Amino acid sequence: MIKKIILSALLVIACAFAKAQSQNVTHVVMRGETIESIANHYNVSVEDINKANPNIDGIIYVGMKLIIPAEVTHSSTKTVAKQESNKKIATTSHSTFHSPKTVDNLQTTPTTHNKNIWRLKGIAGLTTGSWTGKDFKDSETDSEYGQASNKNKATYQFHIGFIADYIFSKNVYAGIGIVFNQSGYKQDLLMSSGQNWDDEGGNYDGKQTVKMAINKFDIPIHIGGMYDFSSDTRLFLEVGPYISYAISGNKKYTGYYTVYDDIHSSETEQINKKEKIGKASLKDFQKFGYGLSATAGISFKNIILQFTYQRGLNKTIKKKKQYEQNMLLSLGYEF
């Protein structure tokens, strides 16, 4: 009699365990999901999911299978259980339970190591370039020999590149990139002998425009922070150093210079010449460069809009206090 009772009790326990196992939900992680969103959907806690999946260490990735605790998911899986065979394990999918969401910072296609979470971005946009420093300033002179003014202006060129970010947590990441960047500067120089005519032919005026264009590769390294403003929108800030190498570049001079022999006659010389990096006034141009940069941006779903400020720390020309300074407006896409 006692043996029958014990066997009956064991049978009841085994049936209860098997029933609990059959009610377990296997959830396949989809793009845009977090542990918090999955827990909210099944009306369980994050702690419950972590206990049922001790190997995840709080990190999930697309395609991972999670066990949702059966004792707390009975109500949320009731509808699914009615639609499927009692002999099958209820399996949820993105198409069954979830409406599409934006990609969360922690969910990207996993690398070979599950905890290494990378994000790749492509950017392209407008570069506004100029130089700065003690030896590169706007100036005006007025003397007995004449008048001259020098005004520096920004140039508008372009950049394109890729950046890879490693996600440390929901709000912190670091990255490195390679960007082709065309930058430079522009100067307008006006000169004149003034209003006092010299009968010996010392009168002149002229205008010269100098445009510098540099083709270089930048390698930015940064650490960043991000804030989810909404389910679709994220704000981010990045700071860090960059190094660069100029693969080519030139300085182009255009304009005219007019000399007046007297008040009735003159001779004008057109200015049109070009110097390449490594020659003439660019003989001491520094091809290798380095500096600091700061970036602020916003992303909406996979679209990125960002603004970057670059300030070179090395002299562009040896023995001259002239430094690179760029502003980059970029539109990008997050893969």
Protein backbone atom coordinates (compact mmCIF):
# COMPACT_ATOMS: atom_id res chain seq x y z
CA MET A 1 0.00 0.00 0.00
CA ILE A 2 2.80 2.40 0.96
CA LYS A 3 4.68 1.57 -2.25
CA LYS A 4 1.59 2.43 -4.28
CA ILE A 5 1.27 5.76 -2.50
CA ILE A 6 4.94 6.62 -3.10
CA LEU A 7 4.74 5.60 -6.76
CA SER A 8 1.58 7.66 -7.19
CA ALA A 9 3.26 10.70 -5.61
CA LEU A 10 6.29 10.35 -7.85
CA LEU A 11 4.03 10.02 -10.88
CA VAL A 12 2.17 13.23 -9.92
CA ILE A 13 5.44 15.13 -9.43
CA ALA A 14 6.82 13.90 -12.75
CA CYS A 15 3.61 14.89 -14.56
CA ALA A 16 3.67 18.32 -12.91
CA PHE A 17 7.31 18.82 -13.89
CA ALA A 18 6.66 17.71 -17.46
CA LYS A 19 3.66 20.03 -17.66
CA ALA A 20 5.73 22.94 -16.38
CA GLN A 21 8.42 22.13 -18.92
CA SER A 22 5.88 22.00 -21.74
CA GLN A 23 4.65 25.45 -20.78
CA ASN A 24 8.13 26.99 -20.98
CA VAL A 25 8.40 29.59 -23.73
CA THR A 26 11.45 29.70 -25.99
CA HIS A 27 11.84 33.25 -27.25
CA VAL A 28 14.11 34.05 -30.23
CA VAL A 29 15.63 37.53 -29.87
CA MET A 30 14.86 39.83 -32.82
CA ARG A 31 16.33 43.17 -33.90
CA GLY A 32 15.23 46.03 -31.68
CA GLU A 33 14.58 43.94 -28.58
CA THR A 34 16.15 44.34 -25.15
CA ILE A 35 15.93 42.20 -22.02
CA GLU A 36 13.66 44.85 -20.54
CA SER A 37 11.27 44.89 -23.50
CA ILE A 38 11.07 41.06 -23.53
CA ALA A 39 10.44 40.97 -19.77
CA ASN A 40 7.69 43.60 -20.10
CA HIS A 41 6.02 41.65 -22.89
CA TYR A 42 5.82 38.44 -20.86
CA ASN A 43 5.01 40.28 -17.64
CA VAL A 44 8.10 38.90 -15.90
CA SER A 45 11.13 40.53 -14.35
CA VAL A 46 14.61 40.82 -15.84
CA GLU A 47 15.83 38.81 -12.85
CA ASP A 48 13.46 35.95 -13.79
CA ILE A 49 14.93 35.81 -17.30
CA ASN A 50 18.52 35.96 -16.03
CA LYS A 51 17.83 33.10 -13.59
CA ALA A 52 16.30 30.96 -16.32
CA ASN A 53 19.25 31.73 -18.62
CA PRO A 54 22.35 31.80 -16.39
CA ASN A 55 24.79 31.91 -19.32
CA ILE A 56 23.71 35.24 -20.87
CA ASP A 57 25.32 37.51 -18.24
CA GLY A 58 22.77 40.20 -19.01
CA ILE A 59 23.78 40.46 -22.70
CA ILE A 60 21.62 39.27 -25.59
CA TYR A 61 22.00 39.34 -29.35
CA VAL A 62 19.88 38.73 -32.43
CA GLY A 63 19.05 35.05 -32.86
CA MET A 64 19.68 34.07 -29.24
CA LYS A 65 17.10 31.68 -27.72
CA LEU A 66 15.85 32.63 -24.27
CA ILE A 67 13.88 30.44 -21.89
CA ILE A 68 11.00 32.36 -20.30
CA PRO A 69 10.08 30.93 -16.84
CA ALA A 70 6.89 28.84 -17.14
CA GLU A 71 5.49 29.60 -13.69
CA VAL A 72 5.23 33.31 -14.50
CA THR A 73 4.29 33.14 -18.17
CA HIS A 74 1.14 31.06 -18.01
CA SER A 75 -1.21 34.00 -18.56
CA SER A 76 0.83 35.52 -21.39
CA THR A 77 1.12 32.22 -23.31
CA LYS A 78 -2.48 31.09 -22.92
CA THR A 79 -3.54 32.39 -26.32
CA VAL A 80 -0.60 30.79 -28.08
CA ALA A 81 -1.15 27.46 -26.33
CA LYS A 82 -4.73 27.33 -27.69
CA GLN A 83 -3.51 27.88 -31.24
CA GLU A 84 -0.84 25.19 -31.19
CA SER A 85 -0.68 21.49 -30.45
CA ASN A 86 -0.37 20.59 -26.78
CA LYS A 87 2.57 18.37 -27.69
CA LYS A 88 4.68 21.26 -29.05
CA ILE A 89 6.67 23.81 -27.12
CA ALA A 90 5.18 27.29 -27.49
CA THR A 91 7.73 29.35 -29.38
CA THR A 92 7.38 33.07 -29.83
CA SER A 93 8.65 35.06 -32.75
CA HIS A 94 8.92 38.69 -33.66
CA SER A 95 6.09 38.40 -36.16
CA THR A 96 3.73 36.82 -33.57
CA PHE A 97 4.14 39.09 -30.60
CA HIS A 98 5.98 42.27 -31.48
CA SER A 99 5.41 45.21 -33.73
CA PRO A 100 8.58 46.48 -35.46
CA LYS A 101 10.83 48.59 -33.27
CA THR A 102 13.94 50.59 -33.83
CA VAL A 103 17.33 49.02 -33.35
CA ASP A 104 18.48 49.28 -29.77
CA ASN A 105 22.08 50.12 -29.04
CA LEU A 106 22.81 46.65 -27.65
CA GLN A 107 21.22 44.56 -30.40
CA THR A 108 23.28 44.06 -33.52
CA THR A 109 24.33 40.99 -35.44
CA PRO A 110 26.75 39.19 -33.12
CA THR A 111 30.38 38.62 -33.94
CA THR A 112 32.10 35.30 -33.38
CA HIS A 113 32.34 36.20 -29.68
CA ASN A 114 28.82 36.73 -28.36
CA LYS A 115 29.77 39.57 -26.02
CA ASN A 116 31.59 41.62 -28.69
CA ILE A 117 28.90 43.93 -30.00
CA TRP A 118 29.94 46.18 -32.89
CA ARG A 119 28.08 48.83 -34.85
CA LEU A 120 29.18 50.04 -38.31
CA LYS A 121 28.35 53.50 -39.63
CA GLY A 122 28.91 55.06 -43.03
CA ILE A 123 29.10 58.86 -43.27
CA ALA A 124 29.50 61.48 -45.99
CA GLY A 125 29.07 65.21 -46.10
CA LEU A 126 30.44 68.74 -46.31
CA THR A 127 33.81 69.86 -44.92
CA THR A 128 34.34 73.53 -44.08
CA GLY A 129 38.10 74.03 -43.85
CA SER A 130 40.32 76.84 -42.66
CA TRP A 131 43.63 77.40 -40.90
CA THR A 132 44.26 79.29 -37.71
CA GLY A 133 47.19 80.47 -35.59
CA LYS A 134 49.42 83.47 -34.92
CA ASP A 135 50.91 83.40 -38.44
CA PHE A 136 47.56 82.94 -40.15
CA LYS A 137 45.31 85.87 -39.33
CA ASP A 138 43.33 88.56 -41.09
CA SER A 139 45.42 91.71 -41.39
CA GLU A 140 45.40 95.27 -42.73
CA THR A 141 48.42 97.51 -43.26
CA ASP A 142 48.62 101.17 -44.25
CA SER A 143 52.02 102.79 -44.77
CA GLU A 144 53.81 105.33 -46.97
CA TYR A 145 54.39 102.53 -49.47
CA GLY A 146 50.74 101.61 -49.86
CA GLN A 147 47.83 99.71 -48.42
CA ALA A 148 47.21 95.98 -48.13
CA SER A 149 44.55 93.75 -46.59
CA ASN A 150 44.53 90.01 -46.14
CA LYS A 151 41.28 88.17 -45.38
CA ASN A 152 41.02 84.44 -44.69
CA LYS A 153 37.95 82.51 -45.75
CA ALA A 154 36.70 78.97 -45.32
CA THR A 155 36.53 76.53 -48.20
CA TYR A 156 33.68 74.08 -48.79
CA GLN A 157 34.75 70.59 -49.76
CA PHE A 158 33.72 67.04 -48.78
CA HIS A 159 34.46 63.89 -46.79
CA ILE A 160 33.36 60.23 -46.82
CA GLY A 161 34.22 57.28 -44.60
CA PHE A 162 33.29 54.45 -42.24
CA ILE A 163 33.30 54.21 -38.45
CA ALA A 164 33.10 51.08 -36.26
CA ASP A 165 31.83 51.43 -32.67
CA TYR A 166 32.20 48.86 -29.88
CA ILE A 167 29.26 48.93 -27.46
CA PHE A 168 30.30 48.62 -23.80
CA SER A 169 26.86 49.25 -22.32
CA LYS A 170 23.55 50.84 -23.17
CA ASN A 171 25.02 54.36 -22.91
CA VAL A 172 28.78 54.04 -23.45
CA TYR A 173 30.80 53.04 -26.52
CA ALA A 174 34.17 53.62 -28.21
CA GLY A 175 35.10 53.62 -31.86
CA ILE A 176 37.64 54.05 -34.63
CA GLY A 177 37.19 55.04 -38.24
CA ILE A 178 38.83 55.92 -41.53
CA VAL A 179 37.64 59.00 -43.39
CA PHE A 180 38.78 60.54 -46.68
CA ASN A 181 38.68 64.28 -46.03
CA GLN A 182 39.32 67.12 -48.48
CA SER A 183 40.06 70.35 -46.65
CA GLY A 184 42.07 73.57 -46.94
CA TYR A 185 41.59 77.33 -46.82
CA LYS A 186 41.14 80.45 -48.96
CA GLN A 187 42.80 83.91 -48.75
CA ASP A 188 41.99 87.18 -50.52
CA LEU A 189 44.80 89.73 -50.73
CA LEU A 190 44.17 93.33 -51.89
CA MET A 191 47.03 95.77 -52.46
CA SER A 192 47.31 99.37 -53.65
CA SER A 193 49.76 102.26 -53.65
CA GLY A 194 46.96 104.47 -52.35
CA GLN A 195 45.66 107.83 -53.54
CA ASN A 196 49.04 109.60 -53.72
CA TRP A 197 50.35 109.27 -57.25
CA ASP A 198 54.09 109.02 -57.73
CA ASP A 199 55.35 110.71 -60.91
CA GLU A 200 58.25 108.27 -61.05
CA GLY A 201 55.96 105.30 -61.73
CA GLY A 202 55.66 103.85 -58.25
CA ASN A 203 51.88 103.35 -58.46
CA TYR A 204 50.20 99.95 -58.41
CA ASP A 205 47.15 97.92 -57.36
CA GLY A 206 46.23 94.29 -57.46
CA LYS A 207 44.19 91.40 -56.15
CA GLN A 208 45.29 87.86 -55.41
CA THR A 209 43.28 84.82 -54.28
CA VAL A 210 45.07 81.85 -52.75
CA LYS A 211 43.23 78.55 -52.42
CA MET A 212 44.71 75.57 -50.59
CA ALA A 213 43.28 72.06 -51.13
CA ILE A 214 44.49 68.98 -49.22
CA ASN A 215 43.43 65.38 -49.83
CA LYS A 216 44.02 63.32 -46.71
CA PHE A 217 42.93 60.31 -44.71
CA ASP A 218 41.82 60.84 -41.12
CA ILE A 219 41.74 58.09 -38.50
CA PRO A 220 39.49 59.31 -35.65
CA ILE A 221 39.49 57.49 -32.31
CA HIS A 222 36.74 58.38 -29.85
CA ILE A 223 34.76 57.48 -26.78
CA GLY A 224 31.07 58.29 -26.84
CA GLY A 225 27.94 58.48 -24.79
CA MET A 226 24.36 58.11 -26.00
CA TYR A 227 20.93 58.86 -24.66
CA ASP A 228 17.66 57.37 -25.92
CA PHE A 229 15.46 60.41 -26.36
CA SER A 230 12.60 58.20 -27.55
CA SER A 231 12.10 54.71 -28.98
CA ASP A 232 13.19 55.97 -32.42
CA THR A 233 15.55 58.82 -31.57
CA ARG A 234 18.98 58.80 -29.93
CA LEU A 235 21.32 61.67 -29.04
CA PHE A 236 25.08 61.10 -28.84
CA LEU A 237 28.36 62.88 -28.05
CA GLU A 238 31.90 61.77 -28.97
CA VAL A 239 35.37 63.11 -28.14
CA GLY A 240 38.86 61.91 -28.89
CA PRO A 241 42.07 62.33 -30.90
CA TYR A 242 42.65 61.82 -34.60
CA ILE A 243 45.67 61.30 -36.81
CA SER A 244 45.88 62.15 -40.50
CA TYR A 245 48.08 61.76 -43.56
CA ALA A 246 47.97 64.02 -46.63
CA ILE A 247 48.25 61.98 -49.82
CA SER A 248 48.21 65.05 -52.10
CA GLY A 249 47.52 68.76 -52.15
CA ASN A 250 48.22 72.05 -53.86
CA LYS A 251 48.07 75.81 -53.45
CA LYS A 252 46.63 77.80 -56.36
CA TYR A 253 47.21 81.54 -56.95
CA THR A 254 44.90 83.60 -59.18
CA GLY A 255 44.41 87.34 -59.70
CA TYR A 256 46.20 90.33 -61.24
CA TYR A 257 48.86 92.97 -60.52
CA THR A 258 48.80 96.34 -62.32
CA VAL A 259 51.69 98.82 -62.44
CA TYR A 260 51.00 102.43 -63.56
CA ASP A 261 53.90 104.10 -65.39
CA ASP A 262 52.00 107.36 -65.19
CA ILE A 263 48.42 108.50 -64.86
CA HIS A 264 47.70 107.66 -68.49
CA SER A 265 49.38 104.27 -68.96
CA SER A 266 49.56 100.95 -67.11
CA GLU A 267 50.68 97.36 -67.43
CA THR A 268 48.72 94.44 -65.96
CA GLU A 269 50.12 91.01 -65.16
CA GLN A 270 47.70 88.11 -64.68
CA ILE A 271 48.47 85.76 -61.81
CA ASN A 272 47.78 82.06 -62.37
CA LYS A 273 50.12 79.51 -60.82
CA LYS A 274 49.96 76.34 -58.73
CA GLU A 275 52.31 74.81 -56.17
CA LYS A 276 52.18 71.19 -55.01
CA ILE A 277 52.91 69.83 -51.54
CA GLY A 278 56.66 69.41 -51.12
CA LYS A 279 57.64 72.23 -53.48
CA ALA A 280 58.14 76.02 -53.33
CA SER A 281 56.20 77.57 -50.41
CA LEU A 282 54.84 74.09 -49.52
CA LYS A 283 58.28 72.52 -49.27
CA ASP A 284 57.96 72.31 -45.47
CA PHE A 285 54.34 71.17 -45.41
CA GLN A 286 53.74 68.49 -42.75
CA LYS A 287 52.00 65.48 -44.32
CA PHE A 288 51.46 63.73 -40.99
CA GLY A 289 49.09 65.46 -38.61
CA TYR A 290 47.23 64.95 -35.37
CA GLY A 291 44.66 66.76 -33.28
CA LEU A 292 41.47 66.58 -31.27
CA SER A 293 37.87 66.32 -32.40
CA ALA A 294 34.42 66.52 -30.85
CA THR A 295 31.16 65.27 -32.37
CA ALA A 296 27.51 65.85 -31.51
CA GLY A 297 24.70 64.13 -33.36
CA ILE A 298 21.26 62.65 -33.49
CA SER A 299 20.04 59.41 -35.03
CA PHE A 300 16.53 58.54 -36.10
CA LYS A 301 16.15 54.81 -36.62
CA ASN A 302 19.16 54.09 -38.89
CA ILE A 303 19.69 57.63 -40.21
CA ILE A 304 22.43 59.75 -38.60
CA LEU A 305 23.03 63.52 -38.67
CA GLN A 306 26.19 64.73 -36.92
CA PHE A 307 28.49 67.75 -36.60
CA THR A 308 32.24 67.38 -35.94
CA TYR A 309 34.84 69.99 -35.03
CA GLN A 310 38.53 69.19 -35.71
CA ARG A 311 41.48 71.18 -34.36
CA GLY A 312 44.98 70.26 -35.45
CA LEU A 313 47.70 70.34 -32.80
CA ASN A 314 50.75 70.10 -35.07
CA LYS A 315 52.05 72.92 -37.28
CA THR A 316 50.96 72.57 -40.90
CA ILE A 317 54.13 74.35 -42.05
CA LYS A 318 57.44 73.92 -40.19
CA LYS A 319 58.51 76.94 -38.11
CA LYS A 320 55.17 78.69 -38.69
CA LYS A 321 52.36 78.87 -36.19
CA GLN A 322 49.63 77.70 -38.53
CA TYR A 323 47.19 74.94 -37.61
CA GLU A 324 44.41 73.04 -39.34
CA GLN A 325 40.81 73.68 -38.33
CA ASN A 326 37.81 71.88 -39.88
CA MET A 327 34.09 71.56 -39.35
CA LEU A 328 32.32 68.51 -40.79
CA LEU A 329 28.58 68.19 -41.33
CA SER A 330 27.78 64.53 -42.01
CA LEU A 331 24.77 62.47 -43.01
CA GLY A 332 25.15 58.78 -42.31
CA TYR A 333 23.56 55.36 -42.08
CA GLU A 334 23.91 52.79 -39.30
CA PHE A 335 24.23 49.20 -40.56
